[in-house]
Amino acid sequence: MIEVPENIPQRKRLILGPLGRLLLKLFKWDITGTIPNLKKMILIGAPHSAMRDAWYGLLAVLALDLKVTFFGASWIFTRLPSLITFSKNLDRLGIPWPLGWLQKIILIRLGGVPVYRVNSRGTIKGAIEEFNKIDNYILLIAPEAGTEVTEKFRSGFYYLAKELDIPYVPVEIDFKNRAFNLRNPEKITSNFEDESKKVIKIFEGVEGATRTFTMSK
């Protein structure tokens, strides 16, 4: 288990912390690399190819006692994942269940922010305004946006990192070696297209849960 530097926002969890470390060990997952000693950063993870990525990611957050913020499609806060799509409404995917209200409370307490995909105007602008008020934070983003195969990244991580003037840290979700690999922090130095190419090169070939990451033409 890697060390957590002093500047990193943490939340000590007397029960969930030890439980996260135990389960991560039982599932034989590891966290490698180095967490930069920064008060503000964006962690961008790929490939995001299955919903179980979130499960192992949660265990990693708990194991390190990190205090994080993450965006998630609104339906995952109250519904269960399903292989069958019952609705064309992107905010009503999954299967509703009686404990959806409890699921929402837990995810929000863990740092979740619901994103309504049907009407997502102003999400990034509003996030920038809110994060500018906070002294330290770790923001988690999946630049592919969902688990489906995509030909390009969503631009959210780029504009957040640029407007907030903070580094982003690529994190490989490596199912082959059962590890979250933290790469070196990067600062925005070019336009979105060029920045995306730089990050895509970092993730190229990483084996996710259901597919190997590639966006090469």
C-alpha atoms as a PDB file:
ATOM      1  CA  MET A   1       0.000   0.000   0.000  1.00  0.00           C
ATOM      2  CA  ILE A   2       1.391   3.390  -0.989  1.00  0.00           C
ATOM      3  CA  GLU A   3       1.849   6.242   1.480  1.00  0.00           C
ATOM      4  CA  VAL A   4      -0.484   9.233   1.580  1.00  0.00           C
ATOM      5  CA  PRO A   5       1.377  12.596   1.816  1.00  0.00           C
ATOM      6  CA  GLU A   6       0.408  15.199   4.398  1.00  0.00           C
ATOM      7  CA  ASN A   7      -1.232  17.682   2.006  1.00  0.00           C
ATOM      8  CA  ILE A   8      -3.683  15.134   0.618  1.00  0.00           C
ATOM      9  CA  PRO A   9      -7.267  15.602   1.896  1.00  0.00           C
ATOM     10  CA  GLN A  10      -8.175  12.604   4.050  1.00  0.00           C
ATOM     11  CA  ARG A  11     -11.118  11.347   6.037  1.00  0.00           C
ATOM     12  CA  LYS A  12     -10.256   8.830   8.727  1.00  0.00           C
ATOM     13  CA  ARG A  13     -12.802   6.004   8.760  1.00  0.00           C
ATOM     14  CA  LEU A  14     -12.622   3.790  11.842  1.00  0.00           C
ATOM     15  CA  ILE A  15     -14.591   0.954  10.240  1.00  0.00           C
ATOM     16  CA  LEU A  16     -14.650   1.514   6.471  1.00  0.00           C
ATOM     17  CA  GLY A  17     -10.909   2.259   6.265  1.00  0.00           C
ATOM     18  CA  PRO A  18      -9.733  -1.081   7.702  1.00  0.00           C
ATOM     19  CA  LEU A  19     -12.549  -2.853   5.824  1.00  0.00           C
ATOM     20  CA  GLY A  20     -11.408  -1.318   2.521  1.00  0.00           C
ATOM     21  CA  ARG A  21      -7.809  -2.406   3.143  1.00  0.00           C
ATOM     22  CA  LEU A  22      -8.931  -5.924   4.049  1.00  0.00           C
ATOM     23  CA  LEU A  23     -11.179  -6.350   1.003  1.00  0.00           C
ATOM     24  CA  LEU A  24      -8.572  -4.899  -1.357  1.00  0.00           C
ATOM     25  CA  LYS A  25      -6.112  -7.472  -0.011  1.00  0.00           C
ATOM     26  CA  LEU A  26      -8.624 -10.325  -0.273  1.00  0.00           C
ATOM     27  CA  PHE A  27      -9.401  -9.398  -3.893  1.00  0.00           C
ATOM     28  CA  LYS A  28      -5.619  -9.207  -4.491  1.00  0.00           C
ATOM     29  CA  TRP A  29      -5.690  -5.634  -5.762  1.00  0.00           C
ATOM     30  CA  ASP A  30      -2.880  -3.153  -5.216  1.00  0.00           C
ATOM     31  CA  ILE A  31      -2.265   0.588  -5.552  1.00  0.00           C
ATOM     32  CA  THR A  32       1.083   1.494  -7.106  1.00  0.00           C
ATOM     33  CA  GLY A  33       2.959   4.657  -7.938  1.00  0.00           C
ATOM     34  CA  THR A  34       3.140   7.842  -5.897  1.00  0.00           C
ATOM     35  CA  ILE A  35       0.430  10.236  -4.772  1.00  0.00           C
ATOM     36  CA  PRO A  36       1.766  13.751  -5.417  1.00  0.00           C
ATOM     37  CA  ASN A  37       1.839  15.887  -2.274  1.00  0.00           C
ATOM     38  CA  LEU A  38      -0.676  18.428  -3.579  1.00  0.00           C
ATOM     39  CA  LYS A  39      -3.707  20.038  -1.973  1.00  0.00           C
ATOM     40  CA  LYS A  40      -5.672  20.033  -5.233  1.00  0.00           C
ATOM     41  CA  MET A  41      -5.679  17.545  -8.085  1.00  0.00           C
ATOM     42  CA  ILE A  42      -7.808  15.632 -10.557  1.00  0.00           C
ATOM     43  CA  LEU A  43      -7.415  11.864 -10.829  1.00  0.00           C
ATOM     44  CA  ILE A  44      -8.454  10.588 -14.262  1.00  0.00           C
ATOM     45  CA  GLY A  45      -8.925   6.821 -14.561  1.00  0.00           C
ATOM     46  CA  ALA A  46      -9.066   4.567 -17.634  1.00  0.00           C
ATOM     47  CA  PRO A  47     -10.071   2.241 -19.097  1.00  0.00           C
ATOM     48  CA  HIS A  48     -13.507   2.450 -17.514  1.00  0.00           C
ATOM     49  CA  SER A  49     -15.025  -0.653 -19.093  1.00  0.00           C
ATOM     50  CA  ALA A  50     -17.375  -2.072 -16.437  1.00  0.00           C
ATOM     51  CA  MET A  51     -19.370  -0.977 -13.415  1.00  0.00           C
ATOM     52  CA  ARG A  52     -17.133  -3.084 -11.154  1.00  0.00           C
ATOM     53  CA  ASP A  53     -14.393  -0.505 -11.785  1.00  0.00           C
ATOM     54  CA  ALA A  54     -16.308   1.692  -9.350  1.00  0.00           C
ATOM     55  CA  TRP A  55     -16.383  -1.074  -6.727  1.00  0.00           C
ATOM     56  CA  TYR A  56     -12.613  -1.559  -6.730  1.00  0.00           C
ATOM     57  CA  GLY A  57     -12.131   2.195  -6.959  1.00  0.00           C
ATOM     58  CA  LEU A  58     -14.269   2.645  -3.839  1.00  0.00           C
ATOM     59  CA  LEU A  59     -12.162   0.094  -1.973  1.00  0.00           C
ATOM     60  CA  ALA A  60      -9.005   1.979  -2.985  1.00  0.00           C
ATOM     61  CA  VAL A  61     -10.437   5.291  -1.719  1.00  0.00           C
ATOM     62  CA  LEU A  62     -11.468   3.680   1.580  1.00  0.00           C
ATOM     63  CA  ALA A  63      -8.161   1.851   1.948  1.00  0.00           C
ATOM     64  CA  LEU A  64      -6.214   5.115   1.649  1.00  0.00           C
ATOM     65  CA  ASP A  65      -8.719   7.099   3.760  1.00  0.00           C
ATOM     66  CA  LEU A  66      -9.010   9.652   0.967  1.00  0.00           C
ATOM     67  CA  LYS A  67     -11.570  12.430   0.921  1.00  0.00           C
ATOM     68  CA  VAL A  68     -12.707  12.633  -2.687  1.00  0.00           C
ATOM     69  CA  THR A  69     -15.337  14.128  -4.955  1.00  0.00           C
ATOM     70  CA  PHE A  70     -16.633  12.297  -8.002  1.00  0.00           C
ATOM     71  CA  PHE A  71     -19.263  12.866 -10.658  1.00  0.00           C
ATOM     72  CA  GLY A  72     -21.657  10.054 -11.503  1.00  0.00           C
ATOM     73  CA  ALA A  73     -24.645   9.561 -13.757  1.00  0.00           C
ATOM     74  CA  SER A  74     -27.723  10.370 -11.663  1.00  0.00           C
ATOM     75  CA  TRP A  75     -29.200   6.867 -12.016  1.00  0.00           C
ATOM     76  CA  ILE A  76     -26.312   5.139 -10.214  1.00  0.00           C
ATOM     77  CA  PHE A  77     -27.245   7.022  -7.034  1.00  0.00           C
ATOM     78  CA  THR A  78     -30.642   5.327  -6.699  1.00  0.00           C
ATOM     79  CA  ARG A  79     -30.696   2.339  -9.081  1.00  0.00           C
ATOM     80  CA  LEU A  80     -28.971  -0.996  -9.566  1.00  0.00           C
ATOM     81  CA  PRO A  81     -26.944  -1.734 -12.717  1.00  0.00           C
ATOM     82  CA  SER A  82     -28.641  -3.861 -15.356  1.00  0.00           C
ATOM     83  CA  LEU A  83     -27.464  -5.535 -18.567  1.00  0.00           C
ATOM     84  CA  ILE A  84     -30.856  -4.745 -20.078  1.00  0.00           C
ATOM     85  CA  THR A  85     -31.894  -1.161 -20.856  1.00  0.00           C
ATOM     86  CA  PHE A  86     -35.477  -0.506 -19.787  1.00  0.00           C
ATOM     87  CA  SER A  87     -35.575   3.204 -20.567  1.00  0.00           C
ATOM     88  CA  LYS A  88     -34.182   5.463 -23.281  1.00  0.00           C
ATOM     89  CA  ASN A  89     -33.891   8.228 -20.689  1.00  0.00           C
ATOM     90  CA  LEU A  90     -30.189   8.412 -19.740  1.00  0.00           C
ATOM     91  CA  ASP A  91     -31.145   9.479 -16.209  1.00  0.00           C
ATOM     92  CA  ARG A  92     -33.392   6.443 -15.663  1.00  0.00           C
ATOM     93  CA  LEU A  93     -31.146   3.548 -16.578  1.00  0.00           C
ATOM     94  CA  GLY A  94     -30.703   0.567 -14.284  1.00  0.00           C
ATOM     95  CA  ILE A  95     -33.300  -1.027 -12.020  1.00  0.00           C
ATOM     96  CA  PRO A  96     -35.088   0.892  -9.230  1.00  0.00           C
ATOM     97  CA  TRP A  97     -35.158  -0.811  -5.839  1.00  0.00           C
ATOM     98  CA  PRO A  98     -36.549  -0.075  -2.337  1.00  0.00           C
ATOM     99  CA  LEU A  99     -33.207   0.970  -0.840  1.00  0.00           C
ATOM    100  CA  GLY A 100     -32.396   3.505  -3.543  1.00  0.00           C
ATOM    101  CA  TRP A 101     -32.779   6.322  -1.022  1.00  0.00           C
ATOM    102  CA  LEU A 102     -30.098   4.740   1.207  1.00  0.00           C
ATOM    103  CA  GLN A 103     -27.830   4.158  -1.769  1.00  0.00           C
ATOM    104  CA  LYS A 104     -28.048   7.872  -2.610  1.00  0.00           C
ATOM    105  CA  ILE A 105     -27.195   8.931   0.950  1.00  0.00           C
ATOM    106  CA  ILE A 106     -24.164   6.626   1.040  1.00  0.00           C
ATOM    107  CA  LEU A 107     -22.788   7.723  -2.334  1.00  0.00           C
ATOM    108  CA  ILE A 108     -23.222  11.413  -1.568  1.00  0.00           C
ATOM    109  CA  ARG A 109     -21.497  10.978   1.795  1.00  0.00           C
ATOM    110  CA  LEU A 110     -18.633   9.272  -0.031  1.00  0.00           C
ATOM    111  CA  GLY A 111     -18.257  12.379  -2.207  1.00  0.00           C
ATOM    112  CA  GLY A 112     -20.619  11.663  -5.087  1.00  0.00           C
ATOM    113  CA  VAL A 113     -22.201  14.434  -7.156  1.00  0.00           C
ATOM    114  CA  PRO A 114     -25.117  13.330  -9.392  1.00  0.00           C
ATOM    115  CA  VAL A 115     -24.939  14.471 -13.006  1.00  0.00           C
ATOM    116  CA  TYR A 116     -28.171  14.597 -14.972  1.00  0.00           C
ATOM    117  CA  ARG A 117     -27.154  13.681 -18.516  1.00  0.00           C
ATOM    118  CA  VAL A 118     -30.433  14.748 -20.133  1.00  0.00           C
ATOM    119  CA  ASN A 119     -29.856  18.313 -19.005  1.00  0.00           C
ATOM    120  CA  SER A 120     -26.169  18.719 -18.221  1.00  0.00           C
ATOM    121  CA  ARG A 121     -25.716  22.327 -19.331  1.00  0.00           C
ATOM    122  CA  GLY A 122     -23.548  24.333 -17.005  1.00  0.00           C
ATOM    123  CA  THR A 123     -22.205  21.307 -15.104  1.00  0.00           C
ATOM    124  CA  ILE A 124     -18.532  22.121 -15.685  1.00  0.00           C
ATOM    125  CA  LYS A 125     -18.996  25.874 -15.185  1.00  0.00           C
ATOM    126  CA  GLY A 126     -20.853  25.285 -11.935  1.00  0.00           C
ATOM    127  CA  ALA A 127     -18.206  22.827 -10.751  1.00  0.00           C
ATOM    128  CA  ILE A 128     -15.421  25.324 -11.419  1.00  0.00           C
ATOM    129  CA  GLU A 129     -17.223  27.968  -9.374  1.00  0.00           C
ATOM    130  CA  GLU A 130     -17.695  25.563  -6.451  1.00  0.00           C
ATOM    131  CA  PHE A 131     -14.168  24.117  -6.463  1.00  0.00           C
ATOM    132  CA  ASN A 132     -12.673  27.598  -6.521  1.00  0.00           C
ATOM    133  CA  LYS A 133     -14.154  28.025  -3.035  1.00  0.00           C
ATOM    134  CA  ILE A 134     -12.437  24.900  -1.641  1.00  0.00           C
ATOM    135  CA  ASP A 135      -8.885  24.866  -0.252  1.00  0.00           C
ATOM    136  CA  ASN A 136      -8.088  21.205  -0.939  1.00  0.00           C
ATOM    137  CA  TYR A 137      -9.747  18.395  -2.833  1.00  0.00           C
ATOM    138  CA  ILE A 138      -9.284  15.304  -4.986  1.00  0.00           C
ATOM    139  CA  LEU A 139     -11.651  15.118  -7.923  1.00  0.00           C
ATOM    140  CA  LEU A 140     -12.165  11.734  -9.595  1.00  0.00           C
ATOM    141  CA  ILE A 141     -13.088  11.657 -13.293  1.00  0.00           C
ATOM    142  CA  ALA A 142     -13.459   8.913 -15.897  1.00  0.00           C
ATOM    143  CA  PRO A 143     -12.596  10.785 -19.124  1.00  0.00           C
ATOM    144  CA  GLU A 144     -14.405   8.154 -21.223  1.00  0.00           C
ATOM    145  CA  ALA A 145     -17.583   9.258 -19.379  1.00  0.00           C
ATOM    146  CA  GLY A 146     -19.147   5.776 -19.435  1.00  0.00           C
ATOM    147  CA  THR A 147     -18.284   2.110 -19.871  1.00  0.00           C
ATOM    148  CA  GLU A 148     -19.066   2.076 -23.593  1.00  0.00           C
ATOM    149  CA  VAL A 149     -16.315   2.090 -26.215  1.00  0.00           C
ATOM    150  CA  THR A 150     -15.636   5.664 -27.300  1.00  0.00           C
ATOM    151  CA  GLU A 151     -13.447   7.262 -29.933  1.00  0.00           C
ATOM    152  CA  LYS A 152     -12.476  10.290 -27.854  1.00  0.00           C
ATOM    153  CA  PHE A 153     -12.389  11.596 -24.302  1.00  0.00           C
ATOM    154  CA  ARG A 154     -14.993  13.914 -22.866  1.00  0.00           C
ATOM    155  CA  SER A 155     -13.558  17.383 -22.315  1.00  0.00           C
ATOM    156  CA  GLY A 156     -14.539  17.793 -18.656  1.00  0.00           C
ATOM    157  CA  PHE A 157     -11.167  16.866 -17.147  1.00  0.00           C
ATOM    158  CA  TYR A 158      -9.396  19.273 -19.513  1.00  0.00           C
ATOM    159  CA  TYR A 159     -11.503  22.347 -18.764  1.00  0.00           C
ATOM    160  CA  LEU A 160     -11.590  21.660 -15.031  1.00  0.00           C
ATOM    161  CA  ALA A 161      -7.804  21.267 -14.847  1.00  0.00           C
ATOM    162  CA  LYS A 162      -7.249  24.307 -17.051  1.00  0.00           C
ATOM    163  CA  GLU A 163      -9.706  26.714 -15.399  1.00  0.00           C
ATOM    164  CA  LEU A 164      -8.837  25.598 -11.860  1.00  0.00           C
ATOM    165  CA  ASP A 165      -5.118  25.653 -12.765  1.00  0.00           C
ATOM    166  CA  ILE A 166      -4.422  22.322 -11.094  1.00  0.00           C
ATOM    167  CA  PRO A 167      -2.622  19.158 -12.238  1.00  0.00           C
ATOM    168  CA  TYR A 168      -4.320  15.967 -13.315  1.00  0.00           C
ATOM    169  CA  VAL A 169      -2.948  12.528 -12.460  1.00  0.00           C
ATOM    170  CA  PRO A 170      -3.611   9.619 -14.863  1.00  0.00           C
ATOM    171  CA  VAL A 171      -4.571   6.401 -13.055  1.00  0.00           C
ATOM    172  CA  GLU A 172      -4.456   3.102 -14.939  1.00  0.00           C
ATOM    173  CA  ILE A 173      -7.307   0.738 -14.032  1.00  0.00           C
ATOM    174  CA  ASP A 174      -5.192  -2.344 -14.708  1.00  0.00           C
ATOM    175  CA  PHE A 175      -7.224  -5.548 -14.417  1.00  0.00           C
ATOM    176  CA  LYS A 176      -4.432  -7.711 -15.844  1.00  0.00           C
ATOM    177  CA  ASN A 177      -2.198  -6.940 -12.864  1.00  0.00           C
ATOM    178  CA  ARG A 178      -5.113  -6.079 -10.540  1.00  0.00           C
ATOM    179  CA  ALA A 179      -3.746  -2.656  -9.702  1.00  0.00           C
ATOM    180  CA  PHE A 180      -4.462   1.051  -9.787  1.00  0.00           C
ATOM    181  CA  ASN A 181      -1.274   2.569 -11.186  1.00  0.00           C
ATOM    182  CA  LEU A 182      -0.771   6.263 -10.485  1.00  0.00           C
ATOM    183  CA  ARG A 183       1.277   8.042 -13.151  1.00  0.00           C
ATOM    184  CA  ASN A 184       3.112  11.353 -12.876  1.00  0.00           C
ATOM    185  CA  PRO A 185       1.020  14.525 -12.489  1.00  0.00           C
ATOM    186  CA  GLU A 186       0.488  16.574 -15.649  1.00  0.00           C
ATOM    187  CA  LYS A 187      -0.396  20.239 -16.206  1.00  0.00           C
ATOM    188  CA  ILE A 188      -2.443  21.535 -19.119  1.00  0.00           C
ATOM    189  CA  THR A 189       0.032  22.851 -21.705  1.00  0.00           C
ATOM    190  CA  SER A 190      -1.918  22.702 -24.964  1.00  0.00           C
ATOM    191  CA  ASN A 191      -5.375  22.507 -26.503  1.00  0.00           C
ATOM    192  CA  PHE A 192      -7.864  19.736 -25.731  1.00  0.00           C
ATOM    193  CA  GLU A 193      -7.025  17.620 -28.779  1.00  0.00           C
ATOM    194  CA  ASP A 194      -3.278  17.604 -28.099  1.00  0.00           C
ATOM    195  CA  GLU A 195      -3.745  17.095 -24.368  1.00  0.00           C
ATOM    196  CA  SER A 196      -6.034  14.138 -25.062  1.00  0.00           C
ATOM    197  CA  LYS A 197      -3.441  12.557 -27.345  1.00  0.00           C
ATOM    198  CA  LYS A 198      -0.870  12.832 -24.570  1.00  0.00           C
ATOM    199  CA  VAL A 199      -3.162  11.089 -22.067  1.00  0.00           C
ATOM    200  CA  ILE A 200      -4.327   8.467 -24.575  1.00  0.00           C
ATOM    201  CA  LYS A 201      -0.690   7.490 -25.118  1.00  0.00           C
ATOM    202  CA  ILE A 202      -0.319   6.929 -21.364  1.00  0.00           C
ATOM    203  CA  PHE A 203      -3.336   4.614 -21.199  1.00  0.00           C
ATOM    204  CA  GLU A 204      -2.748   2.809 -24.492  1.00  0.00           C
ATOM    205  CA  GLY A 205      -2.670  -0.978 -24.010  1.00  0.00           C
ATOM    206  CA  VAL A 206      -3.909  -1.067 -20.401  1.00  0.00           C
ATOM    207  CA  GLU A 207      -6.188  -4.086 -19.940  1.00  0.00           C
ATOM    208  CA  GLY A 208      -9.484  -3.172 -18.301  1.00  0.00           C
ATOM    209  CA  ALA A 209     -12.246  -5.414 -17.000  1.00  0.00           C
ATOM    210  CA  THR A 210     -13.807  -6.130 -20.398  1.00  0.00           C
ATOM    211  CA  ARG A 211     -11.486  -4.531 -22.965  1.00  0.00           C
ATOM    212  CA  THR A 212      -8.006  -3.211 -23.591  1.00  0.00           C
ATOM    213  CA  PHE A 213      -7.750   0.554 -23.849  1.00  0.00           C
ATOM    214  CA  THR A 214      -7.078   1.878 -27.321  1.00  0.00           C
ATOM    215  CA  MET A 215      -7.980   5.004 -29.246  1.00  0.00           C
ATOM    216  CA  SER A 216      -5.324   4.734 -31.899  1.00  0.00           C
ATOM    217  CA  LYS A 217      -6.409   5.397 -35.457  1.00  0.00           C
END
